[in-house]
Amino acid sequence: MLRARGLGSGDCLAYYRRYRCSIGDGSIISDNREVVTRARRLVAALLIALGVGVFFAPLAPAADKGGILVVQVEGAIDPPNASLIRNAIERANQDKFTLVILQIDSARTVGVAPNQIVRTIRRSAVPVVSWIGPSGAQARGGAALILEASHAAFAAPGSDIGPAYPVRLDQPELTSAPAVRAELEKLATANNRDPNGAARLTNSSLSARDSNAVGAIDGVRPTLGETIVTLNKKTVTTSAGEIKLSTAKIIGEGQDRRRQPNQDVVFDSLGISGKVSHALLSPSLAYFLLVIGLALIVFEFFAASIGFAALVGAGAVIGAAYGFDVLPVNLWAVGLLLFSALAFAVDAQVGGLGVWTGAGAVTLIGGSIFLYGGDSQLRPAWWLLVLIIAGVGVFYVFAIPPFLRARFSSPTVGREALIGEMGAALTEVNPEGVVEVRDARWRAITNRATPVTVGDRIRVTAVLGFVLEVEPEEGGAQDYREKRSRRKAK
């Protein structure tokens, strides 16, 4: 019927839509029914095929995407950067990239074992190449091991490689110098480089040219593009065996002839969350966040509210805690920094310099200097410590007291005249809070047996620096007139 007319599936649907309302010709009605049946079967078959395809899609082999994956590794080799490297190599193997290039500029390794990255490189069927660049880049500690583990190693002029020991600055005692030397020699030998030259990177820092001269790397190339085209026709040995690289093509004619990459170059780096995590693992930033966060929290405490400064301070302390979870922190030094904030707050409350200010300064300096364990390279620079300690000291001694005088001052000359004055509680006073007396806000304390609720009337019984001692208008622990009469009797 329809098949004899030479109609395909699309024509069938069109034919059905055209004649579905016809009722005059029995043959057409019969045709319509057959069209409906076939259309339903076709739709059912398509839905089944689609469902099967979706279900088995994860099991299907990845398409051959090709291309060169460049992984930009900047800063410390830490958990975020280590995950970046390992995930990129695994992605390259899964998505059929032809080459992975690690662009490295790293002066330290913290919180990760570089041998995990080394194993990932050695197991990769896709060639992994390291380039220390651009000019001025470094490869120290674990980065030097990653360089030697790579199937090919290059560096930009002006860059430095080594020392590889200590590998991890947070736990320098985990690996000895002889063990690092042996590992460098083994990796260099596996990649057809000079093991003796690689061994020199154990305790020495060599320039790119010196590293190339002793055979620790495969060459010196000024740019990433030069590195890529240099790899053309180079043979490397991966877990899949020997691979002859094809990375360049010649374009132009005559003097304009030049080489350029013959495939797409894709760049990979830390995302926003990875960059935030990486930044918080900086020893200097984590230390700065802690002391500044504590200062802001103390400031908000005296402001008698929970506002912007408190939120920022709490966020800073949380950020510091995240960094301290990975960094080698001395907990007793953290305790000193916490105590320093408390000590400064005590003298700030009474509005003068005293023993507590001195104790705060000493513990601030001690906690700052001895905050980090591990290798000395993790400690913040001395000039940064001086700036932060001086800034925090000035804040506690010269910023908070004037703020308190401005916020909790009385327009009446002579604070002793406030004794006996009536006022109202702006917050609950139990045993501390804020009251208003003579149209001025004051920090206040009361006896625990006589708490004051918001809005209650209060009476001032004593003035302690910038703090008023108050009691409820009715039911106070002792009337202020009785205190005066007893003093006069004595």
Protein backbone atom coordinates (compact mmCIF):
# COMPACT_ATOMS: atom_id res chain seq x y z
CA MET A 1 0.00 0.00 0.00
CA LEU A 2 2.07 2.94 1.25
CA ARG A 3 5.28 1.08 0.54
CA ALA A 4 4.14 0.55 -3.07
CA ARG A 5 3.74 4.27 -3.39
CA GLY A 6 7.41 4.73 -2.54
CA LEU A 7 6.95 6.68 0.68
CA GLY A 8 9.64 6.76 3.36
CA SER A 9 9.05 7.14 7.11
CA GLY A 10 9.07 10.92 6.89
CA ASP A 11 6.68 10.81 3.94
CA CYS A 12 4.46 8.46 5.89
CA LEU A 13 4.09 10.94 8.71
CA ALA A 14 3.41 13.73 6.25
CA TYR A 15 0.90 11.54 4.42
CA TYR A 16 -0.83 10.75 7.72
CA ARG A 17 -1.02 14.38 8.76
CA ARG A 18 -2.51 15.28 5.37
CA TYR A 19 -5.28 12.67 5.32
CA ARG A 20 -6.05 11.95 8.96
CA CYS A 21 -9.31 13.93 8.82
CA SER A 22 -10.58 12.24 5.60
CA ILE A 23 -13.65 9.99 6.00
CA GLY A 24 -15.02 9.73 2.49
CA ASP A 25 -12.79 7.01 1.02
CA GLY A 26 -12.42 3.67 2.78
CA SER A 27 -9.04 3.01 1.20
CA ILE A 28 -7.66 6.21 2.63
CA ILE A 29 -9.02 5.32 6.07
CA SER A 30 -7.22 2.00 5.83
CA ASP A 31 -4.07 3.79 4.77
CA ASN A 32 -4.34 6.16 7.71
CA ARG A 33 -4.56 3.30 10.17
CA GLU A 34 -1.47 1.66 8.73
CA VAL A 35 0.38 4.97 8.85
CA VAL A 36 -0.55 5.41 12.51
CA THR A 37 0.66 1.92 13.37
CA ARG A 38 3.96 2.36 11.57
CA ALA A 39 4.48 5.82 13.04
CA ARG A 40 3.93 4.51 16.55
CA ARG A 41 6.34 1.66 15.96
CA LEU A 42 8.91 4.06 14.57
CA VAL A 43 8.62 6.40 17.56
CA ALA A 44 8.83 3.46 19.99
CA ALA A 45 11.95 2.16 18.24
CA LEU A 46 13.59 5.59 18.37
CA LEU A 47 12.80 5.95 22.08
CA ILE A 48 14.23 2.50 22.84
CA ALA A 49 17.37 3.26 20.85
CA LEU A 50 17.74 6.58 22.64
CA GLY A 51 17.31 4.95 26.06
CA VAL A 52 19.84 2.24 25.27
CA GLY A 53 22.28 4.84 23.99
CA VAL A 54 21.95 6.97 27.11
CA PHE A 55 22.30 3.94 29.40
CA PHE A 56 25.40 2.59 27.70
CA ALA A 57 26.97 5.96 26.84
CA PRO A 58 29.32 5.93 29.89
CA LEU A 59 30.49 2.46 28.85
CA ALA A 60 31.30 3.44 25.29
CA PRO A 61 34.90 4.30 24.43
CA ALA A 62 35.72 8.01 24.29
CA ALA A 63 35.96 9.62 20.91
CA ASP A 64 39.40 10.23 19.51
CA LYS A 65 39.65 13.96 20.26
CA GLY A 66 43.38 14.45 19.88
CA GLY A 67 45.22 17.66 20.60
CA ILE A 68 47.85 18.84 23.08
CA LEU A 69 46.82 19.52 26.69
CA VAL A 70 48.86 22.21 28.47
CA VAL A 71 48.51 22.21 32.27
CA GLN A 72 49.56 25.45 33.95
CA VAL A 73 50.99 24.72 37.40
CA GLU A 74 51.81 27.89 39.32
CA GLY A 75 52.83 28.20 42.96
CA ALA A 76 53.28 25.44 45.49
CA ILE A 77 52.65 21.81 44.62
CA ASP A 78 49.80 21.45 47.11
CA PRO A 79 46.54 19.43 47.12
CA PRO A 80 44.75 21.67 44.55
CA ASN A 81 47.69 21.67 42.11
CA ALA A 82 48.38 17.96 42.67
CA SER A 83 44.75 17.15 41.82
CA LEU A 84 44.99 19.41 38.76
CA ILE A 85 48.01 17.49 37.43
CA ARG A 86 46.68 14.00 38.10
CA ASN A 87 43.20 14.76 36.73
CA ALA A 88 44.66 16.35 33.60
CA ILE A 89 46.83 13.31 32.83
CA GLU A 90 43.90 10.95 33.42
CA ARG A 91 41.72 13.13 31.19
CA ALA A 92 44.37 13.09 28.46
CA ASN A 93 44.47 9.30 28.50
CA GLN A 94 40.69 9.03 28.46
CA ASP A 95 40.07 11.64 25.74
CA LYS A 96 42.92 10.47 23.49
CA PHE A 97 45.09 13.57 23.65
CA THR A 98 48.41 13.09 21.91
CA LEU A 99 50.53 14.99 24.46
CA VAL A 100 50.41 16.56 27.93
CA ILE A 101 52.70 19.49 28.73
CA LEU A 102 53.14 20.59 32.35
CA GLN A 103 54.07 24.28 32.46
CA ILE A 104 55.63 24.52 35.92
CA ASP A 105 56.68 27.40 38.15
CA SER A 106 56.84 26.04 41.69
CA ALA A 107 59.26 26.73 44.54
CA ARG A 108 57.84 24.41 47.21
CA THR A 109 55.73 21.34 47.90
CA VAL A 110 53.28 21.26 50.82
CA GLY A 111 50.63 18.80 51.93
CA VAL A 112 51.09 16.19 49.16
CA ALA A 113 53.46 13.34 48.36
CA PRO A 114 55.03 14.02 44.93
CA ASN A 115 55.51 10.30 44.35
CA GLN A 116 51.76 10.08 43.68
CA ILE A 117 52.16 12.46 40.74
CA VAL A 118 55.31 10.64 39.62
CA ARG A 119 53.39 7.34 39.52
CA THR A 120 50.59 8.95 37.51
CA ILE A 121 53.14 10.16 34.94
CA ARG A 122 54.92 6.81 34.73
CA ARG A 123 51.61 4.97 34.19
CA SER A 124 50.42 7.35 31.48
CA ALA A 125 50.19 5.99 27.95
CA VAL A 126 50.11 9.60 26.71
CA PRO A 127 53.54 11.30 26.73
CA VAL A 128 53.98 13.85 29.52
CA VAL A 129 56.44 16.71 28.98
CA SER A 130 57.50 19.33 31.54
CA TRP A 131 58.55 22.85 30.66
CA ILE A 132 59.86 25.12 33.43
CA GLY A 133 58.79 28.53 32.26
CA PRO A 134 58.45 31.28 31.46
CA SER A 135 61.79 32.95 32.20
CA GLY A 136 62.32 33.32 35.95
CA ALA A 137 60.33 30.20 36.81
CA GLN A 138 61.53 27.68 39.38
CA ALA A 139 61.27 23.95 39.98
CA ARG A 140 62.22 23.10 43.55
CA GLY A 141 61.35 20.22 45.84
CA GLY A 142 58.65 18.00 44.38
CA ALA A 143 58.59 20.01 41.15
CA ALA A 144 62.15 18.83 40.37
CA LEU A 145 61.05 15.20 40.80
CA ILE A 146 58.06 15.78 38.52
CA LEU A 147 60.40 17.29 35.94
CA GLU A 148 62.69 14.26 35.94
CA ALA A 149 59.72 11.87 35.89
CA SER A 150 58.42 13.46 32.67
CA HIS A 151 59.09 11.70 29.39
CA ALA A 152 60.77 14.88 28.12
CA ALA A 153 62.01 17.89 30.13
CA PHE A 154 62.71 21.45 29.00
CA ALA A 155 63.27 24.81 30.68
CA ALA A 156 63.17 28.46 29.65
CA PRO A 157 66.31 30.62 29.80
CA GLY A 158 66.54 32.37 33.16
CA SER A 159 64.70 29.63 35.03
CA ASP A 160 66.18 27.59 37.90
CA ILE A 161 65.89 23.91 38.74
CA GLY A 162 66.53 22.42 42.20
CA PRO A 163 67.28 21.79 44.90
CA ALA A 164 64.94 18.82 45.09
CA TYR A 165 65.72 18.27 48.77
CA PRO A 166 63.81 18.75 50.97
CA VAL A 167 60.97 17.43 48.84
CA ARG A 168 58.16 18.56 51.19
CA LEU A 169 58.63 21.67 53.29
CA ASP A 170 55.89 20.69 55.73
CA GLN A 171 57.57 17.35 56.50
CA PRO A 172 61.23 17.60 55.47
CA GLU A 173 62.19 14.62 57.59
CA LEU A 174 60.12 12.16 55.57
CA THR A 175 62.76 11.76 52.84
CA SER A 176 66.54 11.82 53.15
CA ALA A 177 68.88 13.48 50.68
CA PRO A 178 70.39 10.12 49.54
CA ALA A 179 66.91 8.77 48.84
CA VAL A 180 66.04 11.86 46.76
CA ARG A 181 69.32 11.50 44.84
CA ALA A 182 68.58 7.86 44.07
CA GLU A 183 65.07 8.72 42.87
CA LEU A 184 66.37 11.45 40.56
CA GLU A 185 68.94 9.09 39.07
CA LYS A 186 66.32 6.37 38.50
CA LEU A 187 63.85 8.76 36.81
CA ALA A 188 66.54 10.31 34.60
CA THR A 189 67.74 6.88 33.48
CA ALA A 190 64.19 5.81 32.62
CA ASN A 191 63.84 8.85 30.36
CA ASN A 192 67.27 8.59 28.68
CA ARG A 193 68.81 11.53 30.54
CA ASP A 194 72.08 11.64 32.45
CA PRO A 195 71.55 10.25 35.97
CA ASN A 196 74.67 12.00 37.27
CA GLY A 197 73.42 15.34 36.01
CA ALA A 198 70.01 14.76 37.56
CA ALA A 199 71.65 13.80 40.86
CA ARG A 200 73.23 17.26 41.04
CA LEU A 201 69.74 18.71 41.46
CA THR A 202 69.46 17.06 44.88
CA ASN A 203 71.13 19.82 46.86
CA SER A 204 71.93 22.40 44.17
CA SER A 205 70.01 24.95 42.17
CA LEU A 206 71.10 24.95 38.53
CA SER A 207 70.16 27.39 35.81
CA ALA A 208 68.37 26.09 32.74
CA ARG A 209 71.58 26.18 30.68
CA ASP A 210 73.62 24.43 33.38
CA SER A 211 70.91 21.80 33.79
CA ASN A 212 71.01 21.17 30.06
CA ALA A 213 74.80 21.06 30.06
CA VAL A 214 74.92 18.28 32.67
CA GLY A 215 72.15 16.33 30.93
CA ALA A 216 69.47 16.80 33.59
CA ILE A 217 66.99 18.10 30.98
CA ASP A 218 66.49 17.64 27.24
CA GLY A 219 66.91 21.24 26.16
CA VAL A 220 66.38 24.96 26.71
CA ARG A 221 63.43 26.55 24.93
CA PRO A 222 62.31 30.15 25.47
CA THR A 223 58.58 29.66 24.85
CA LEU A 224 55.91 27.02 25.10
CA GLY A 225 55.40 27.15 21.33
CA GLU A 226 59.09 26.45 20.71
CA THR A 227 58.89 23.52 23.10
CA ILE A 228 55.93 22.03 21.23
CA VAL A 229 57.49 22.21 17.75
CA THR A 230 60.84 20.95 19.10
CA LEU A 231 59.13 17.74 20.17
CA ASN A 232 58.24 16.90 16.56
CA LYS A 233 59.67 13.48 15.56
CA LYS A 234 61.10 12.95 19.05
CA THR A 235 60.70 9.40 20.37
CA VAL A 236 59.71 8.89 24.00
CA THR A 237 58.90 5.78 26.01
CA THR A 238 55.62 5.67 27.92
CA SER A 239 53.71 2.83 29.58
CA ALA A 240 52.35 2.04 26.10
CA GLY A 241 55.86 1.66 24.65
CA GLU A 242 57.87 3.88 22.31
CA ILE A 243 55.95 6.76 20.74
CA LYS A 244 57.22 9.00 17.96
CA LEU A 245 55.72 12.44 18.48
CA SER A 246 54.19 14.50 15.69
CA THR A 247 53.64 18.03 16.93
CA ALA A 248 54.61 20.47 14.14
CA LYS A 249 53.90 21.38 10.55
CA ILE A 250 55.65 23.79 8.17
CA ILE A 251 53.73 26.74 6.81
CA GLY A 252 54.73 29.55 4.47
CA GLU A 253 57.33 29.59 1.72
CA GLY A 254 60.89 30.76 1.34
CA GLN A 255 62.05 33.00 4.15
CA ASP A 256 58.55 32.95 5.58
CA ARG A 257 58.71 29.22 6.23
CA ARG A 258 58.16 28.40 9.87
CA ARG A 259 56.93 25.62 12.10
CA GLN A 260 53.79 25.72 14.16
CA PRO A 261 51.77 23.16 16.14
CA ASN A 262 49.92 20.78 13.86
CA GLN A 263 47.02 20.22 16.26
CA ASP A 264 44.84 22.05 18.73
CA VAL A 265 46.47 23.24 21.96
CA VAL A 266 44.12 23.18 24.96
CA PHE A 267 45.01 24.91 28.24
CA ASP A 268 43.99 23.72 31.69
CA SER A 269 44.48 25.44 35.05
CA LEU A 270 42.88 25.76 38.47
CA GLY A 271 39.26 26.88 38.54
CA ILE A 272 37.94 29.56 40.87
CA SER A 273 37.45 27.21 43.82
CA GLY A 274 40.86 25.66 43.22
CA LYS A 275 42.52 29.07 43.11
CA VAL A 276 40.85 30.08 46.39
CA SER A 277 41.96 26.85 48.07
CA HIS A 278 45.46 27.25 46.66
CA ALA A 279 45.69 30.83 47.95
CA LEU A 280 44.52 29.86 51.45
CA LEU A 281 47.37 27.35 51.67
CA SER A 282 49.91 30.18 51.50
CA PRO A 283 51.64 30.39 54.93
CA SER A 284 51.81 34.19 54.82
CA LEU A 285 48.16 34.61 53.87
CA ALA A 286 46.92 32.10 56.47
CA TYR A 287 48.88 33.91 59.20
CA PHE A 288 47.63 37.31 58.06
CA LEU A 289 44.01 36.11 58.00
CA LEU A 290 44.24 34.78 61.55
CA VAL A 291 45.62 37.91 63.22
CA ILE A 292 43.43 40.29 61.21
CA GLY A 293 40.35 38.14 61.77
CA LEU A 294 40.91 38.13 65.53
CA ALA A 295 41.40 41.90 65.55
CA LEU A 296 38.13 42.44 63.66
CA ILE A 297 36.23 40.15 66.03
CA VAL A 298 37.59 42.05 69.05
CA PHE A 299 36.62 45.33 67.40
CA GLU A 300 33.07 44.11 66.80
CA PHE A 301 32.85 42.90 70.39
CA PHE A 302 33.48 46.42 71.64
CA ALA A 303 31.04 47.76 69.07
CA ALA A 304 28.37 45.74 70.93
CA SER A 305 26.84 44.29 67.80
CA ILE A 306 27.29 41.58 65.18
CA GLY A 307 27.90 43.39 61.94
CA PHE A 308 30.12 43.53 58.91
CA ALA A 309 33.42 43.52 60.81
CA ALA A 310 32.43 40.40 62.75
CA LEU A 311 31.40 38.56 59.60
CA VAL A 312 34.62 39.48 57.80
CA GLY A 313 36.65 38.53 60.86
CA ALA A 314 34.92 35.17 61.20
CA GLY A 315 35.46 34.47 57.50
CA ALA A 316 39.14 35.34 57.82
CA VAL A 317 39.58 33.00 60.80
CA ILE A 318 37.81 30.19 58.92
CA GLY A 319 40.09 30.75 55.92
CA ALA A 320 43.13 30.60 58.19
CA ALA A 321 41.84 27.38 59.76
CA TYR A 322 41.55 25.83 56.28
CA GLY A 323 45.17 26.66 55.56
CA PHE A 324 46.32 25.45 58.98
CA ASP A 325 44.71 22.07 58.29
CA VAL A 326 47.43 21.42 55.66
CA LEU A 327 50.30 23.62 56.83
CA PRO A 328 52.60 22.45 59.67
CA VAL A 329 51.21 24.69 62.42
CA ASN A 330 52.36 24.69 66.05
CA LEU A 331 49.11 24.70 68.00
CA TRP A 332 50.74 26.30 71.02
CA ALA A 333 51.77 29.23 68.80
CA VAL A 334 48.16 29.57 67.63
CA GLY A 335 47.22 29.66 71.31
CA LEU A 336 49.66 32.52 71.85
CA LEU A 337 48.03 34.51 69.06
CA LEU A 338 44.57 33.92 70.54
CA PHE A 339 45.82 34.97 73.98
CA SER A 340 47.40 38.13 72.54
CA ALA A 341 44.03 39.25 71.16
CA LEU A 342 42.43 38.68 74.55
CA ALA A 343 45.22 40.48 76.41
CA PHE A 344 45.03 43.55 74.17
CA ALA A 345 41.24 43.59 74.61
CA VAL A 346 41.53 43.74 78.41
CA ASP A 347 43.56 46.97 78.44
CA ALA A 348 41.56 48.41 75.56
CA GLN A 349 38.43 48.03 77.66
CA VAL A 350 39.80 50.08 80.55
CA GLY A 351 41.21 52.63 78.15
CA GLY A 352 44.91 52.52 79.00
CA LEU A 353 48.23 50.75 78.61
CA GLY A 354 49.18 48.24 81.23
CA VAL A 355 50.46 44.79 81.96
CA TRP A 356 47.96 43.19 79.62
CA THR A 357 49.17 45.29 76.70
CA GLY A 358 52.72 44.11 77.32
CA ALA A 359 51.57 40.50 77.58
CA GLY A 360 49.65 40.87 74.33
CA ALA A 361 52.67 42.29 72.52
CA VAL A 362 54.99 39.51 73.73
CA THR A 363 52.59 36.69 72.83
CA LEU A 364 51.82 38.27 69.45
CA ILE A 365 55.52 38.37 68.56
CA GLY A 366 56.18 34.86 69.90
CA GLY A 367 53.16 33.32 68.18
CA SER A 368 54.04 34.99 64.89
CA ILE A 369 57.67 33.85 64.85
CA PHE A 370 57.02 30.24 65.91
CA LEU A 371 53.68 29.70 64.16
CA TYR A 372 54.97 27.22 61.58
CA GLY A 373 57.03 24.08 61.96
CA GLY A 374 58.63 22.18 59.11
CA ASP A 375 61.28 23.82 56.96
CA SER A 376 62.23 27.44 57.65
CA GLN A 377 61.25 28.36 54.08
CA LEU A 378 57.59 28.18 55.13
CA ARG A 379 57.90 31.02 57.63
CA PRO A 380 56.73 34.45 56.41
CA ALA A 381 59.45 36.96 55.54
CA TRP A 382 60.75 38.99 58.48
CA TRP A 383 59.62 42.28 56.96
CA LEU A 384 56.09 40.93 56.58
CA LEU A 385 56.06 39.85 60.22
CA VAL A 386 57.23 43.33 61.28
CA LEU A 387 54.50 45.04 59.24
CA ILE A 388 51.70 42.80 60.50
CA ILE A 389 52.80 42.87 64.16
CA ALA A 390 53.21 46.64 64.10
CA GLY A 391 49.89 47.16 62.34
CA VAL A 392 47.98 44.93 64.76
CA GLY A 393 49.66 46.56 67.78
CA VAL A 394 48.73 50.03 66.56
CA PHE A 395 45.16 48.88 65.97
CA TYR A 396 44.73 47.52 69.50
CA VAL A 397 46.53 50.36 71.31
CA PHE A 398 45.67 53.46 69.28
CA ALA A 399 42.51 52.61 67.32
CA ILE A 400 40.18 50.71 69.64
CA PRO A 401 40.41 53.02 72.73
CA PRO A 402 39.46 56.20 70.79
CA PHE A 403 36.64 54.25 69.20
CA LEU A 404 35.36 53.26 72.61
CA ARG A 405 35.60 56.83 73.87
CA ALA A 406 33.64 58.07 70.85
CA ARG A 407 31.01 55.34 70.96
CA PHE A 408 30.51 54.94 74.69
CA SER A 409 31.21 58.45 75.96
CA SER A 410 29.11 60.78 78.09
CA PRO A 411 28.48 64.43 77.23
CA THR A 412 28.83 65.28 80.94
CA VAL A 413 32.29 66.16 82.25
CA GLY A 414 33.24 63.77 85.08
CA ARG A 415 32.14 60.21 84.78
CA GLU A 416 31.73 59.84 88.56
CA ALA A 417 28.72 62.14 88.25
CA LEU A 418 26.92 59.32 86.45
CA ILE A 419 26.60 57.32 89.67
CA GLY A 420 22.94 57.27 90.59
CA GLU A 421 21.75 58.30 87.13
CA MET A 422 18.86 56.44 85.53
CA GLY A 423 18.90 54.99 82.03
CA ALA A 424 17.54 52.19 79.86
CA ALA A 425 18.96 48.87 78.69
CA LEU A 426 19.48 48.78 74.91
CA THR A 427 20.41 45.09 75.03
CA GLU A 428 20.09 42.42 77.65
CA VAL A 429 22.61 42.97 80.47
CA ASN A 430 23.34 39.50 81.83
CA PRO A 431 25.97 40.13 83.06
CA GLU A 432 27.21 42.36 80.16
CA GLY A 433 25.38 44.50 77.66
CA VAL A 434 24.76 48.05 76.44
CA VAL A 435 22.76 50.78 78.17
CA GLU A 436 21.86 54.36 77.40
CA VAL A 437 22.47 57.03 80.04
CA ARG A 438 22.15 60.76 79.36
CA ASP A 439 21.59 60.07 75.64
CA ALA A 440 24.93 58.22 75.37
CA ARG A 441 25.59 54.51 74.89
CA TRP A 442 27.74 52.69 77.42
CA ARG A 443 28.97 49.18 77.90
CA ALA A 444 27.50 47.92 81.15
CA ILE A 445 27.76 45.04 83.61
CA THR A 446 25.43 43.93 86.36
CA ASN A 447 25.29 41.40 89.13
CA ARG A 448 24.39 37.95 87.83
CA ALA A 449 21.61 37.81 90.44
CA THR A 450 19.95 40.90 88.96
CA PRO A 451 19.92 40.60 85.14
CA VAL A 452 18.33 43.35 83.08
CA THR A 453 16.20 42.72 79.99
CA VAL A 454 15.94 44.93 76.90
CA GLY A 455 14.05 48.16 77.58
CA ASP A 456 14.19 47.93 81.40
CA ARG A 457 15.09 50.97 83.43
CA ILE A 458 18.51 50.80 85.10
CA ARG A 459 20.43 52.75 87.74
CA VAL A 460 24.21 53.39 87.56
CA THR A 461 25.99 52.18 90.67
CA ALA A 462 29.64 52.54 89.66
CA VAL A 463 31.93 53.61 86.80
CA LEU A 464 34.77 51.25 85.88
CA GLY A 465 36.81 52.94 83.17
CA PHE A 466 34.54 52.98 80.12
CA VAL A 467 32.15 50.44 81.65
CA LEU A 468 29.16 51.24 83.88
CA GLU A 469 28.07 48.98 86.69
CA VAL A 470 24.26 49.01 86.73
CA GLU A 471 21.31 47.41 88.47
CA PRO A 472 17.56 47.28 87.82
CA GLU A 473 15.51 50.28 88.91
CA GLU A 474 13.60 48.00 91.25
CA GLY A 475 14.98 44.92 92.98
CA GLY A 476 18.65 45.81 92.76
CA ALA A 477 21.17 43.90 94.78
CA GLN A 478 21.73 47.02 96.90
CA ASP A 479 20.54 50.61 96.54
CA TYR A 480 23.28 53.08 95.66
CA ARG A 481 22.15 55.42 98.52
CA GLU A 482 22.83 52.68 101.02
CA LYS A 483 26.36 52.29 99.63
CA ARG A 484 27.01 56.04 100.02
CA SER A 485 25.63 56.15 103.56
CA ARG A 486 27.87 53.24 104.57
CA ARG A 487 30.92 54.93 103.06
CA LYS A 488 30.19 58.15 105.01
CA ALA A 489 29.69 56.21 108.24
CA LYS A 490 33.15 54.69 107.83
